[in-house]
């Protein structure tokens, strides 16, 4: 892909249902993907497993928003024993860091009682669509707690679509749907026309939604 691929072109790709990936963390090339079958997490009908619901309400982590975007990306890119290879290379790190500075890319972070970053996720918001990119977890349920907080924030902000890109067995517990490309594009075009607000539940920093409030928002719309 051309070195001139910048954030403006990246946003245009998302509007067309396309997103970039790399073969590996060590391959500096990017290629564009438009899956024939798309993974989508329903904002109306998002399922929180019973055990996780208790965990979210217990608030074992301090949850923040957009406080450590680059660190979340780097953690998602890190090669760890249960994930020896990743697709997040340096060009992707640079592109999404720039998108974050422009206000389009966001992160949700989970911190333990000692102040360590132990889980989180990041993605891109356009209109009423949020495109989930990657997540990581260094403590049990940390990424899942971040996901619940993200979904609650999207519901509060009036979002219509949460793109998970691919089918992922890990996400089936939350009600993951698989939709054909044409149906996804129909949903995407509608979502892009919506004026949603990622910060309606609070500005960058400590999440304005408690665990109890997050669960309530989600179950109220399920």
N, C-alpha and C. Protein backbone atom coordinates (compact mmCIF):
# COMPACT_ATOMS: atom_id res chain seq x y z
N UNK A 1 0.84 -1.19 0.00
CA UNK A 1 0.00 0.00 0.00
C UNK A 1 0.88 1.24 0.00
N UNK A 2 0.41 2.31 -0.60
CA UNK A 2 1.20 3.53 -0.74
C UNK A 2 1.56 4.12 0.61
N UNK A 3 2.75 4.73 0.67
CA UNK A 3 3.18 5.43 1.87
C UNK A 3 2.29 6.64 2.14
N UNK A 4 1.53 7.07 1.13
CA UNK A 4 0.67 8.24 1.29
C UNK A 4 -0.67 7.87 1.95
N UNK A 5 -0.81 6.64 2.35
CA UNK A 5 -2.03 6.23 3.06
C UNK A 5 -2.06 6.96 4.40
N UNK A 6 -3.02 7.86 4.57
CA UNK A 6 -3.07 8.69 5.76
C UNK A 6 -4.41 8.53 6.48
N UNK A 7 -4.64 9.33 7.50
CA UNK A 7 -5.86 9.18 8.30
C UNK A 7 -7.11 9.50 7.49
N UNK A 8 -7.01 10.44 6.56
CA UNK A 8 -8.18 10.77 5.73
C UNK A 8 -8.60 9.57 4.89
N UNK A 9 -7.63 8.91 4.29
CA UNK A 9 -7.94 7.71 3.51
C UNK A 9 -8.41 6.58 4.40
N UNK A 10 -7.85 6.50 5.59
CA UNK A 10 -8.27 5.46 6.53
C UNK A 10 -9.74 5.62 6.90
N UNK A 11 -10.16 6.85 7.18
CA UNK A 11 -11.56 7.09 7.51
C UNK A 11 -12.47 6.78 6.33
N UNK A 12 -12.02 7.11 5.13
CA UNK A 12 -12.80 6.77 3.93
C UNK A 12 -12.97 5.25 3.81
N UNK A 13 -11.93 4.51 4.15
CA UNK A 13 -12.02 3.04 4.12
C UNK A 13 -13.11 2.55 5.06
N UNK A 14 -13.13 3.10 6.28
CA UNK A 14 -14.15 2.68 7.24
C UNK A 14 -15.56 3.00 6.72
N UNK A 15 -15.70 4.14 6.09
CA UNK A 15 -17.02 4.50 5.55
C UNK A 15 -17.47 3.53 4.46
N UNK A 16 -16.52 2.89 3.81
CA UNK A 16 -16.82 1.93 2.75
C UNK A 16 -16.81 0.48 3.25
N UNK A 17 -16.72 0.30 4.57
CA UNK A 17 -16.75 -1.04 5.13
C UNK A 17 -15.45 -1.81 4.99
N UNK A 18 -14.35 -1.08 4.83
CA UNK A 18 -13.04 -1.69 4.61
C UNK A 18 -12.11 -1.27 5.75
N UNK A 19 -11.18 -2.14 6.13
CA UNK A 19 -10.22 -1.77 7.18
C UNK A 19 -8.86 -2.39 6.87
N UNK A 20 -7.77 -1.79 7.38
CA UNK A 20 -6.43 -2.29 7.08
C UNK A 20 -5.94 -3.31 8.10
N UNK A 21 -5.09 -4.21 7.63
CA UNK A 21 -4.39 -5.14 8.51
C UNK A 21 -2.99 -5.36 7.94
N UNK A 22 -2.17 -6.08 8.70
CA UNK A 22 -0.84 -6.48 8.23
C UNK A 22 -0.70 -7.98 8.43
N UNK A 23 0.20 -8.59 7.69
CA UNK A 23 0.41 -10.03 7.84
C UNK A 23 0.98 -10.38 9.20
N UNK A 24 1.81 -9.48 9.74
CA UNK A 24 2.39 -9.71 11.05
C UNK A 24 2.89 -8.39 11.60
N UNK A 25 3.24 -8.40 12.86
CA UNK A 25 3.77 -7.20 13.51
C UNK A 25 5.06 -6.73 12.85
N UNK A 26 5.78 -7.65 12.27
CA UNK A 26 7.10 -7.33 11.72
C UNK A 26 7.07 -7.02 10.22
N UNK A 27 5.90 -7.14 9.60
CA UNK A 27 5.74 -6.80 8.19
C UNK A 27 5.22 -5.37 8.11
N UNK A 28 5.95 -4.49 7.47
CA UNK A 28 5.58 -3.08 7.44
C UNK A 28 4.53 -2.74 6.38
N UNK A 29 4.07 -3.73 5.61
CA UNK A 29 3.05 -3.49 4.60
C UNK A 29 1.65 -3.60 5.18
N UNK A 30 0.70 -2.89 4.57
CA UNK A 30 -0.70 -2.96 4.94
C UNK A 30 -1.51 -3.46 3.76
N UNK A 31 -2.61 -4.13 4.05
CA UNK A 31 -3.55 -4.49 3.00
C UNK A 31 -4.96 -4.26 3.53
N UNK A 32 -5.91 -4.08 2.63
CA UNK A 32 -7.28 -3.75 2.99
C UNK A 32 -8.17 -4.99 2.95
N UNK A 33 -9.09 -5.07 3.89
CA UNK A 33 -9.98 -6.23 4.02
C UNK A 33 -11.42 -5.77 4.05
N UNK A 34 -12.27 -6.49 3.33
CA UNK A 34 -13.71 -6.28 3.36
C UNK A 34 -14.36 -7.65 3.45
N UNK A 35 -14.53 -8.20 4.66
CA UNK A 35 -15.02 -9.57 4.82
C UNK A 35 -16.38 -9.79 4.16
N UNK A 36 -16.55 -10.95 3.55
CA UNK A 36 -17.85 -11.31 2.98
C UNK A 36 -18.88 -11.54 4.08
N UNK A 37 -18.43 -12.05 5.22
CA UNK A 37 -19.28 -12.23 6.39
C UNK A 37 -18.68 -11.42 7.53
N UNK A 38 -19.49 -10.55 8.10
CA UNK A 38 -18.99 -9.61 9.10
C UNK A 38 -19.47 -9.99 10.49
N UNK A 39 -18.59 -9.86 11.47
CA UNK A 39 -18.98 -10.06 12.86
C UNK A 39 -19.49 -8.75 13.44
N UNK A 40 -20.68 -8.78 14.03
CA UNK A 40 -21.28 -7.59 14.61
C UNK A 40 -21.78 -7.91 16.01
N UNK A 41 -21.47 -7.04 16.97
CA UNK A 41 -21.99 -7.20 18.33
C UNK A 41 -23.22 -6.31 18.46
N UNK A 42 -24.37 -6.89 18.79
CA UNK A 42 -25.60 -6.10 18.85
C UNK A 42 -25.62 -5.17 20.06
N UNK A 43 -25.88 -3.90 19.85
CA UNK A 43 -26.01 -2.98 20.98
C UNK A 43 -27.36 -3.17 21.66
N UNK A 44 -28.37 -3.52 20.86
CA UNK A 44 -29.66 -3.91 21.42
C UNK A 44 -29.68 -5.43 21.41
N UNK A 45 -29.49 -6.02 22.55
CA UNK A 45 -29.41 -7.47 22.61
C UNK A 45 -28.04 -7.97 23.01
N UNK A 46 -27.13 -7.06 23.38
CA UNK A 46 -25.82 -7.47 23.88
C UNK A 46 -26.02 -8.28 25.16
N UNK A 47 -25.41 -9.46 25.20
CA UNK A 47 -25.61 -10.37 26.33
C UNK A 47 -24.41 -10.34 27.26
N UNK A 48 -24.65 -10.08 28.54
CA UNK A 48 -23.59 -10.16 29.54
C UNK A 48 -23.78 -11.47 30.32
N UNK A 49 -22.84 -12.41 30.23
CA UNK A 49 -22.96 -13.65 31.01
C UNK A 49 -23.13 -13.33 32.50
N UNK A 50 -23.86 -14.18 33.19
CA UNK A 50 -24.24 -13.94 34.59
C UNK A 50 -23.02 -13.69 35.48
N UNK A 51 -21.98 -14.51 35.33
CA UNK A 51 -20.79 -14.35 36.17
C UNK A 51 -20.11 -13.02 35.90
N UNK A 52 -20.03 -12.66 34.62
CA UNK A 52 -19.38 -11.40 34.26
C UNK A 52 -20.18 -10.21 34.78
N UNK A 53 -21.49 -10.34 34.77
CA UNK A 53 -22.34 -9.26 35.27
C UNK A 53 -22.00 -8.96 36.74
N UNK A 54 -21.79 -10.00 37.51
CA UNK A 54 -21.42 -9.82 38.92
C UNK A 54 -20.05 -9.15 39.03
N UNK A 55 -19.14 -9.56 38.15
CA UNK A 55 -17.79 -8.99 38.18
C UNK A 55 -17.83 -7.50 37.85
N UNK A 56 -18.57 -7.14 36.82
CA UNK A 56 -18.66 -5.73 36.42
C UNK A 56 -19.22 -4.89 37.56
N UNK A 57 -20.25 -5.40 38.22
CA UNK A 57 -20.87 -4.67 39.33
C UNK A 57 -19.92 -4.53 40.52
N UNK A 58 -19.07 -5.51 40.69
CA UNK A 58 -18.11 -5.51 41.81
C UNK A 58 -16.99 -4.50 41.60
N UNK A 59 -16.76 -4.12 40.36
CA UNK A 59 -15.74 -3.13 39.99
C UNK A 59 -14.34 -3.48 40.50
N UNK A 60 -13.78 -4.61 40.02
CA UNK A 60 -12.43 -4.99 40.45
C UNK A 60 -11.34 -4.13 39.83
N UNK A 61 -11.69 -3.36 38.78
CA UNK A 61 -10.71 -2.53 38.09
C UNK A 61 -11.18 -1.08 38.07
N UNK A 62 -10.22 -0.17 37.98
CA UNK A 62 -10.54 1.23 37.71
C UNK A 62 -10.62 1.37 36.20
N UNK A 63 -11.77 1.80 35.71
CA UNK A 63 -12.00 1.88 34.27
C UNK A 63 -11.87 3.34 33.82
N UNK A 64 -11.08 3.54 32.77
CA UNK A 64 -10.89 4.89 32.22
C UNK A 64 -11.13 4.86 30.72
N UNK A 65 -11.27 6.04 30.16
CA UNK A 65 -11.54 6.19 28.72
C UNK A 65 -10.52 7.16 28.13
N UNK A 66 -9.88 6.74 27.05
CA UNK A 66 -8.95 7.60 26.31
C UNK A 66 -7.83 8.17 27.19
N UNK A 67 -7.43 7.42 28.19
CA UNK A 67 -6.38 7.89 29.09
C UNK A 67 -5.01 7.33 28.69
N UNK A 68 -5.01 6.19 27.99
CA UNK A 68 -3.72 5.54 27.65
C UNK A 68 -3.86 4.84 26.30
N UNK A 69 -4.30 5.60 25.29
CA UNK A 69 -4.58 5.00 23.99
C UNK A 69 -3.37 4.27 23.41
N UNK A 70 -2.23 4.94 23.36
CA UNK A 70 -1.04 4.32 22.77
C UNK A 70 -0.60 3.09 23.54
N UNK A 71 -0.71 3.13 24.85
CA UNK A 71 -0.32 1.97 25.66
C UNK A 71 -1.26 0.78 25.40
N UNK A 72 -2.53 1.07 25.20
CA UNK A 72 -3.47 -0.01 24.87
C UNK A 72 -3.11 -0.63 23.53
N UNK A 73 -2.83 0.20 22.54
CA UNK A 73 -2.44 -0.33 21.23
C UNK A 73 -1.17 -1.18 21.32
N UNK A 74 -0.21 -0.68 22.06
CA UNK A 74 1.05 -1.42 22.20
C UNK A 74 0.83 -2.75 22.90
N UNK A 75 -0.06 -2.77 23.89
CA UNK A 75 -0.38 -4.02 24.59
C UNK A 75 -1.10 -4.99 23.66
N UNK A 76 -1.98 -4.47 22.81
CA UNK A 76 -2.66 -5.33 21.84
C UNK A 76 -1.68 -5.89 20.81
N UNK A 77 -0.63 -5.13 20.53
CA UNK A 77 0.36 -5.55 19.53
C UNK A 77 1.40 -6.50 20.10
N UNK A 78 1.52 -6.53 21.43
CA UNK A 78 2.57 -7.33 22.06
C UNK A 78 2.41 -8.81 21.79
N UNK A 79 3.52 -9.49 21.61
CA UNK A 79 3.52 -10.94 21.42
C UNK A 79 3.67 -11.59 22.80
N UNK A 80 2.67 -12.37 23.17
CA UNK A 80 2.65 -13.04 24.47
C UNK A 80 2.45 -14.54 24.24
N UNK A 81 2.72 -15.37 25.26
CA UNK A 81 2.68 -16.83 25.07
C UNK A 81 1.40 -17.36 24.42
N UNK A 82 0.25 -16.82 24.82
CA UNK A 82 -1.01 -17.32 24.25
C UNK A 82 -1.39 -16.60 22.95
N UNK A 83 -0.53 -15.66 22.53
CA UNK A 83 -0.74 -14.95 21.28
C UNK A 83 0.64 -14.59 20.71
N UNK A 84 1.31 -15.58 20.11
CA UNK A 84 2.70 -15.38 19.69
C UNK A 84 2.89 -14.44 18.51
N UNK A 85 1.83 -14.20 17.74
CA UNK A 85 1.93 -13.26 16.62
C UNK A 85 0.72 -12.32 16.63
N UNK A 86 0.93 -11.09 16.19
CA UNK A 86 -0.16 -10.13 16.06
C UNK A 86 -0.02 -9.42 14.71
N UNK A 87 -1.08 -8.71 14.31
CA UNK A 87 -1.11 -8.05 13.02
C UNK A 87 -0.88 -6.54 13.14
N UNK A 88 -0.67 -6.05 14.35
CA UNK A 88 -0.55 -4.61 14.57
C UNK A 88 0.91 -4.20 14.41
N UNK A 89 1.24 -3.61 13.27
CA UNK A 89 2.62 -3.23 12.99
C UNK A 89 2.83 -1.72 13.23
N UNK A 90 4.02 -1.24 12.96
CA UNK A 90 4.34 0.17 13.22
C UNK A 90 3.47 1.13 12.41
N UNK A 91 3.24 0.91 11.10
CA UNK A 91 2.35 1.82 10.37
C UNK A 91 0.94 1.90 10.98
N UNK A 92 0.42 0.77 11.44
CA UNK A 92 -0.91 0.77 12.06
C UNK A 92 -0.87 1.54 13.38
N UNK A 93 0.17 1.31 14.18
CA UNK A 93 0.32 2.06 15.43
C UNK A 93 0.34 3.57 15.16
N UNK A 94 1.08 3.97 14.16
CA UNK A 94 1.19 5.40 13.84
C UNK A 94 -0.12 5.97 13.31
N UNK A 95 -0.79 5.23 12.42
CA UNK A 95 -2.05 5.70 11.84
C UNK A 95 -3.12 5.90 12.90
N UNK A 96 -3.29 4.92 13.77
CA UNK A 96 -4.37 5.00 14.74
C UNK A 96 -4.04 5.97 15.87
N UNK A 97 -2.77 6.13 16.17
CA UNK A 97 -2.39 7.16 17.14
C UNK A 97 -2.75 8.54 16.59
N UNK A 98 -2.54 8.74 15.28
CA UNK A 98 -2.93 10.01 14.65
C UNK A 98 -4.45 10.17 14.67
N UNK A 99 -5.18 9.08 14.40
CA UNK A 99 -6.65 9.13 14.45
C UNK A 99 -7.12 9.49 15.85
N UNK A 100 -6.45 8.97 16.86
CA UNK A 100 -6.81 9.28 18.24
C UNK A 100 -6.61 10.77 18.51
N UNK A 101 -5.50 11.32 18.05
CA UNK A 101 -5.25 12.74 18.26
C UNK A 101 -6.29 13.60 17.56
N UNK A 102 -6.84 13.08 16.46
CA UNK A 102 -7.88 13.80 15.72
C UNK A 102 -9.28 13.59 16.31
N UNK A 103 -9.40 12.72 17.30
CA UNK A 103 -10.68 12.52 17.97
C UNK A 103 -11.54 11.41 17.43
N UNK A 104 -11.00 10.57 16.54
CA UNK A 104 -11.79 9.49 15.95
C UNK A 104 -11.54 8.13 16.59
N UNK A 105 -10.37 7.91 17.13
CA UNK A 105 -10.03 6.61 17.71
C UNK A 105 -10.06 6.73 19.23
N UNK A 106 -10.58 5.69 19.88
CA UNK A 106 -10.79 5.74 21.32
C UNK A 106 -10.34 4.43 21.98
N UNK A 107 -10.08 4.53 23.28
CA UNK A 107 -9.70 3.35 24.04
C UNK A 107 -10.46 3.32 25.36
N UNK A 108 -10.62 2.11 25.88
CA UNK A 108 -11.15 1.90 27.22
C UNK A 108 -10.08 1.09 27.96
N UNK A 109 -9.72 1.54 29.16
CA UNK A 109 -8.64 0.90 29.90
C UNK A 109 -9.12 0.36 31.25
N UNK A 110 -8.52 -0.73 31.69
CA UNK A 110 -8.76 -1.28 33.03
C UNK A 110 -7.44 -1.32 33.79
N UNK A 111 -7.46 -0.78 35.00
CA UNK A 111 -6.27 -0.69 35.84
C UNK A 111 -6.52 -1.47 37.13
N UNK A 112 -5.48 -2.16 37.63
CA UNK A 112 -5.66 -2.89 38.88
C UNK A 112 -5.40 -1.96 40.07
N UNK A 113 -5.51 -2.50 41.26
CA UNK A 113 -5.40 -1.68 42.48
C UNK A 113 -4.00 -1.10 42.68
N UNK A 114 -3.02 -1.70 41.99
CA UNK A 114 -1.65 -1.20 42.08
C UNK A 114 -1.31 -0.18 40.99
N UNK A 115 -2.30 0.13 40.15
CA UNK A 115 -2.09 1.11 39.11
C UNK A 115 -1.52 0.56 37.81
N UNK A 116 -1.54 -0.77 37.66
CA UNK A 116 -1.04 -1.39 36.42
C UNK A 116 -2.16 -1.48 35.39
N UNK A 117 -1.83 -1.21 34.14
CA UNK A 117 -2.78 -1.37 33.04
C UNK A 117 -2.92 -2.86 32.75
N UNK A 118 -4.08 -3.43 33.01
CA UNK A 118 -4.24 -4.88 32.92
C UNK A 118 -5.22 -5.33 31.84
N UNK A 119 -5.82 -4.40 31.15
CA UNK A 119 -6.74 -4.79 30.08
C UNK A 119 -7.27 -3.56 29.38
N UNK A 120 -7.79 -3.78 28.17
CA UNK A 120 -8.37 -2.66 27.45
C UNK A 120 -8.68 -3.01 26.01
N UNK A 121 -9.18 -2.03 25.30
CA UNK A 121 -9.53 -2.20 23.89
C UNK A 121 -9.45 -0.84 23.21
N UNK A 122 -9.45 -0.88 21.88
CA UNK A 122 -9.48 0.38 21.13
C UNK A 122 -10.27 0.18 19.84
N UNK A 123 -10.72 1.29 19.26
CA UNK A 123 -11.47 1.23 18.02
C UNK A 123 -11.69 2.62 17.47
N UNK A 124 -12.50 2.70 16.43
CA UNK A 124 -12.73 3.94 15.70
C UNK A 124 -14.22 4.28 15.71
N UNK A 125 -14.53 5.54 15.99
CA UNK A 125 -15.92 6.00 16.00
C UNK A 125 -16.16 6.94 14.83
N UNK A 126 -17.21 6.64 14.06
CA UNK A 126 -17.64 7.49 12.96
C UNK A 126 -19.16 7.55 12.97
N UNK A 127 -19.71 8.75 13.11
CA UNK A 127 -21.17 8.84 13.19
C UNK A 127 -21.68 7.98 14.32
N UNK A 128 -22.62 7.09 14.00
CA UNK A 128 -23.15 6.18 15.01
C UNK A 128 -22.58 4.78 14.90
N UNK A 129 -21.41 4.66 14.29
CA UNK A 129 -20.74 3.36 14.16
C UNK A 129 -19.45 3.36 14.95
N UNK A 130 -19.21 2.25 15.63
CA UNK A 130 -17.92 2.06 16.31
C UNK A 130 -17.31 0.78 15.77
N UNK A 131 -16.07 0.90 15.30
CA UNK A 131 -15.36 -0.23 14.70
C UNK A 131 -14.34 -0.75 15.70
N UNK A 132 -14.65 -1.87 16.35
CA UNK A 132 -13.73 -2.44 17.31
C UNK A 132 -12.51 -3.02 16.61
N UNK A 133 -11.33 -2.70 17.09
CA UNK A 133 -10.10 -3.14 16.45
C UNK A 133 -9.42 -4.29 17.19
N UNK A 134 -9.12 -4.10 18.46
CA UNK A 134 -8.41 -5.16 19.19
C UNK A 134 -8.59 -4.93 20.69
N UNK A 135 -8.34 -6.00 21.45
CA UNK A 135 -8.40 -5.91 22.91
C UNK A 135 -7.30 -6.79 23.51
N UNK A 136 -6.99 -6.55 24.77
CA UNK A 136 -5.99 -7.37 25.45
C UNK A 136 -6.38 -7.51 26.91
N UNK A 137 -5.83 -8.54 27.55
CA UNK A 137 -6.12 -8.78 28.96
C UNK A 137 -4.91 -9.39 29.65
N UNK A 138 -4.53 -8.81 30.77
CA UNK A 138 -3.44 -9.34 31.58
C UNK A 138 -3.94 -9.88 32.91
N UNK A 139 -5.24 -9.68 33.19
CA UNK A 139 -5.89 -10.25 34.37
C UNK A 139 -7.26 -10.75 33.96
N UNK A 140 -7.72 -11.77 34.63
CA UNK A 140 -9.00 -12.39 34.29
C UNK A 140 -10.12 -11.36 34.17
N UNK A 141 -10.81 -11.40 33.06
CA UNK A 141 -11.99 -10.58 32.79
C UNK A 141 -11.70 -9.11 32.49
N UNK A 142 -10.44 -8.70 32.47
CA UNK A 142 -10.15 -7.27 32.28
C UNK A 142 -10.65 -6.77 30.93
N UNK A 143 -10.39 -7.51 29.86
CA UNK A 143 -10.86 -7.05 28.54
C UNK A 143 -12.38 -7.13 28.44
N UNK A 144 -12.97 -8.11 29.11
CA UNK A 144 -14.43 -8.25 29.08
C UNK A 144 -15.10 -7.09 29.82
N UNK A 145 -14.52 -6.69 30.94
CA UNK A 145 -15.05 -5.53 31.67
C UNK A 145 -14.95 -4.29 30.80
N UNK A 146 -13.82 -4.13 30.10
CA UNK A 146 -13.66 -2.98 29.20
C UNK A 146 -14.71 -3.00 28.11
N UNK A 147 -15.01 -4.19 27.57
CA UNK A 147 -16.02 -4.30 26.52
C UNK A 147 -17.40 -3.92 27.04
N UNK A 148 -17.76 -4.36 28.23
CA UNK A 148 -19.07 -4.01 28.79
C UNK A 148 -19.17 -2.50 28.96
N UNK A 149 -18.12 -1.88 29.47
CA UNK A 149 -18.13 -0.43 29.63
C UNK A 149 -18.23 0.28 28.28
N UNK A 150 -17.54 -0.27 27.27
CA UNK A 150 -17.64 0.32 25.93
C UNK A 150 -19.06 0.26 25.42
N UNK A 151 -19.69 -0.90 25.50
CA UNK A 151 -21.05 -1.07 24.98
C UNK A 151 -22.01 -0.13 25.70
N UNK A 152 -21.88 -0.01 27.02
CA UNK A 152 -22.75 0.90 27.76
C UNK A 152 -22.55 2.34 27.30
N UNK A 153 -21.30 2.72 27.05
CA UNK A 153 -21.00 4.07 26.57
C UNK A 153 -21.59 4.30 25.19
N UNK A 154 -21.50 3.31 24.32
CA UNK A 154 -22.07 3.45 22.98
C UNK A 154 -23.58 3.58 23.03
N UNK A 155 -24.21 2.81 23.89
CA UNK A 155 -25.67 2.91 24.05
C UNK A 155 -26.04 4.30 24.56
N UNK A 156 -25.31 4.77 25.58
CA UNK A 156 -25.60 6.09 26.14
C UNK A 156 -25.39 7.19 25.11
N UNK A 157 -24.44 6.98 24.19
CA UNK A 157 -24.13 8.00 23.20
C UNK A 157 -24.96 7.94 21.94
N UNK A 158 -25.88 6.97 21.86
CA UNK A 158 -26.75 6.89 20.70
C UNK A 158 -26.16 6.18 19.49
N UNK A 159 -25.16 5.33 19.70
CA UNK A 159 -24.58 4.58 18.59
C UNK A 159 -25.53 3.49 18.12
N UNK A 160 -25.38 3.10 16.86
CA UNK A 160 -26.26 2.11 16.25
C UNK A 160 -25.55 0.82 15.85
N UNK A 161 -24.22 0.85 15.75
CA UNK A 161 -23.49 -0.30 15.19
C UNK A 161 -22.17 -0.48 15.92
N UNK A 162 -21.89 -1.74 16.31
CA UNK A 162 -20.59 -2.10 16.87
C UNK A 162 -20.01 -3.22 16.02
N UNK A 163 -19.05 -2.84 15.19
CA UNK A 163 -18.42 -3.78 14.26
C UNK A 163 -17.31 -4.55 14.96
N UNK A 164 -17.40 -5.88 14.90
CA UNK A 164 -16.35 -6.73 15.47
C UNK A 164 -15.47 -7.33 14.38
N UNK A 165 -15.73 -6.96 13.14
CA UNK A 165 -14.94 -7.36 11.97
C UNK A 165 -15.15 -8.83 11.58
N UNK A 166 -14.67 -9.76 12.42
CA UNK A 166 -14.74 -11.18 12.07
C UNK A 166 -15.52 -11.96 13.12
N UNK A 167 -15.89 -13.18 12.76
CA UNK A 167 -16.41 -14.10 13.77
C UNK A 167 -15.28 -14.44 14.72
N UNK A 168 -15.60 -14.44 16.00
CA UNK A 168 -14.62 -14.77 17.03
C UNK A 168 -15.32 -15.58 18.11
N UNK A 169 -14.92 -16.83 18.32
CA UNK A 169 -15.59 -17.65 19.32
C UNK A 169 -15.64 -16.99 20.69
N UNK A 170 -14.63 -16.20 21.01
CA UNK A 170 -14.57 -15.50 22.29
C UNK A 170 -15.74 -14.53 22.46
N UNK A 171 -16.24 -14.01 21.33
CA UNK A 171 -17.31 -13.00 21.39
C UNK A 171 -18.71 -13.60 21.30
N UNK A 172 -18.80 -14.90 21.04
CA UNK A 172 -20.12 -15.53 20.92
C UNK A 172 -20.94 -15.39 22.20
N UNK A 173 -20.25 -15.39 23.34
CA UNK A 173 -20.96 -15.29 24.63
C UNK A 173 -21.71 -13.96 24.78
N UNK A 174 -21.33 -12.97 23.97
CA UNK A 174 -21.97 -11.66 24.05
C UNK A 174 -23.08 -11.48 23.01
N UNK A 175 -23.34 -12.53 22.23
CA UNK A 175 -24.40 -12.45 21.22
C UNK A 175 -23.92 -12.05 19.85
N UNK A 176 -22.66 -12.33 19.54
CA UNK A 176 -22.10 -11.97 18.24
C UNK A 176 -22.97 -12.46 17.09
N UNK A 177 -23.22 -11.57 16.13
CA UNK A 177 -23.97 -11.92 14.92
C UNK A 177 -23.02 -11.99 13.74
N UNK A 178 -23.34 -12.84 12.78
CA UNK A 178 -22.62 -12.88 11.52
C UNK A 178 -23.57 -12.40 10.43
N UNK A 179 -23.18 -11.34 9.73
CA UNK A 179 -24.06 -10.77 8.71
C UNK A 179 -23.32 -10.69 7.37
N UNK A 180 -24.03 -10.95 6.25
CA UNK A 180 -23.42 -10.82 4.92
C UNK A 180 -22.98 -9.38 4.66
N UNK A 181 -22.04 -9.22 3.75
CA UNK A 181 -21.49 -7.89 3.46
C UNK A 181 -22.59 -6.89 3.09
N UNK A 182 -23.54 -7.29 2.26
CA UNK A 182 -24.59 -6.35 1.83
C UNK A 182 -25.41 -5.85 3.02
N UNK A 183 -25.74 -6.76 3.95
CA UNK A 183 -26.51 -6.37 5.13
C UNK A 183 -25.67 -5.48 6.03
N UNK A 184 -24.39 -5.80 6.17
CA UNK A 184 -23.52 -4.96 6.98
C UNK A 184 -23.44 -3.55 6.41
N UNK A 185 -23.31 -3.44 5.09
CA UNK A 185 -23.22 -2.13 4.46
C UNK A 185 -24.52 -1.34 4.65
N UNK A 186 -25.65 -2.04 4.63
CA UNK A 186 -26.92 -1.35 4.88
C UNK A 186 -26.92 -0.78 6.30
N UNK A 187 -26.51 -1.59 7.26
CA UNK A 187 -26.46 -1.13 8.65
C UNK A 187 -25.44 0.00 8.82
N UNK A 188 -24.31 -0.14 8.13
CA UNK A 188 -23.27 0.87 8.24
C UNK A 188 -23.74 2.22 7.71
N UNK A 189 -24.37 2.23 6.54
CA UNK A 189 -24.83 3.49 5.96
C UNK A 189 -25.82 4.18 6.89
N UNK A 190 -26.69 3.39 7.50
CA UNK A 190 -27.63 3.98 8.47
C UNK A 190 -26.87 4.56 9.66
N UNK A 191 -25.93 3.78 10.21
CA UNK A 191 -25.19 4.23 11.39
C UNK A 191 -24.39 5.49 11.11
N UNK A 192 -23.80 5.59 9.92
CA UNK A 192 -22.99 6.75 9.59
C UNK A 192 -23.82 8.03 9.52
N UNK A 193 -25.12 7.89 9.32
CA UNK A 193 -26.00 9.06 9.25
C UNK A 193 -26.44 9.54 10.63
N UNK A 194 -26.08 8.79 11.66
CA UNK A 194 -26.49 9.11 13.03
C UNK A 194 -25.45 10.01 13.69
N UNK A 195 -25.90 11.00 14.41
CA UNK A 195 -25.01 11.93 15.11
C UNK A 195 -24.83 11.44 16.55
N UNK A 196 -23.97 10.45 16.75
CA UNK A 196 -23.74 9.89 18.08
C UNK A 196 -22.62 10.64 18.79
N UNK A 197 -22.55 10.46 20.11
CA UNK A 197 -21.55 11.18 20.91
C UNK A 197 -20.82 10.21 21.83
N UNK A 198 -19.56 9.93 21.52
CA UNK A 198 -18.79 9.00 22.33
C UNK A 198 -18.59 9.51 23.75
N UNK A 199 -18.62 10.83 23.93
CA UNK A 199 -18.35 11.41 25.24
C UNK A 199 -19.60 11.80 26.01
N UNK A 200 -20.76 11.32 25.59
CA UNK A 200 -21.98 11.70 26.31
C UNK A 200 -21.97 11.16 27.74
N UNK A 201 -21.24 10.07 27.98
CA UNK A 201 -21.17 9.48 29.32
C UNK A 201 -19.96 9.98 30.10
N UNK A 202 -19.28 10.98 29.57
CA UNK A 202 -18.13 11.52 30.28
C UNK A 202 -16.94 11.73 29.36
N UNK A 203 -16.14 12.74 29.67
CA UNK A 203 -14.97 13.09 28.89
C UNK A 203 -13.81 12.15 29.20
N UNK A 204 -12.68 12.26 28.46
CA UNK A 204 -11.53 11.39 28.74
C UNK A 204 -11.13 11.44 30.21
N UNK A 205 -10.80 10.27 30.74
CA UNK A 205 -10.44 10.15 32.15
C UNK A 205 -11.22 9.00 32.77
N UNK A 206 -11.45 9.04 34.08
CA UNK A 206 -12.24 7.99 34.74
C UNK A 206 -13.60 7.85 34.07
N UNK A 207 -14.03 6.60 33.83
CA UNK A 207 -15.30 6.40 33.15
C UNK A 207 -16.45 6.96 33.98
N UNK A 208 -17.29 7.76 33.34
CA UNK A 208 -18.43 8.33 34.03
C UNK A 208 -19.52 7.32 34.34
N UNK A 209 -19.39 6.10 33.80
CA UNK A 209 -20.38 5.04 34.05
C UNK A 209 -19.81 4.05 35.07
N UNK A 210 -20.52 3.86 36.16
CA UNK A 210 -20.13 2.83 37.11
C UNK A 210 -20.42 1.45 36.53
N UNK A 211 -19.93 0.42 37.19
CA UNK A 211 -20.24 -0.93 36.75
C UNK A 211 -21.73 -1.19 36.79
N UNK A 212 -22.39 -0.77 37.87
CA UNK A 212 -23.83 -0.97 38.01
C UNK A 212 -24.59 -0.23 36.91
N UNK A 213 -24.19 0.99 36.64
CA UNK A 213 -24.86 1.78 35.61
C UNK A 213 -24.64 1.17 34.22
N UNK A 214 -23.45 0.65 33.97
CA UNK A 214 -23.15 0.01 32.69
C UNK A 214 -24.04 -1.20 32.46
N UNK A 215 -24.15 -2.04 33.48
CA UNK A 215 -25.01 -3.22 33.38
C UNK A 215 -26.45 -2.80 33.16
N UNK A 216 -26.90 -1.79 33.88
CA UNK A 216 -28.29 -1.34 33.76
C UNK A 216 -28.59 -0.83 32.37
N UNK A 217 -27.70 -0.02 31.81
CA UNK A 217 -27.91 0.51 30.45
C UNK A 217 -28.05 -0.61 29.43
N UNK A 218 -27.20 -1.62 29.58
CA UNK A 218 -27.20 -2.71 28.60
C UNK A 218 -28.44 -3.59 28.76
N UNK A 219 -28.77 -3.96 29.98
CA UNK A 219 -29.92 -4.85 30.20
C UNK A 219 -31.22 -4.14 29.87
N UNK A 220 -31.23 -2.83 30.01
CA UNK A 220 -32.43 -2.04 29.72
C UNK A 220 -32.73 -2.06 28.21
N UNK A 221 -31.69 -2.18 27.39
CA UNK A 221 -31.89 -2.17 25.93
C UNK A 221 -31.89 -3.56 25.33
N UNK A 222 -31.60 -4.59 26.14
CA UNK A 222 -31.54 -5.97 25.63
C UNK A 222 -32.95 -6.56 25.53
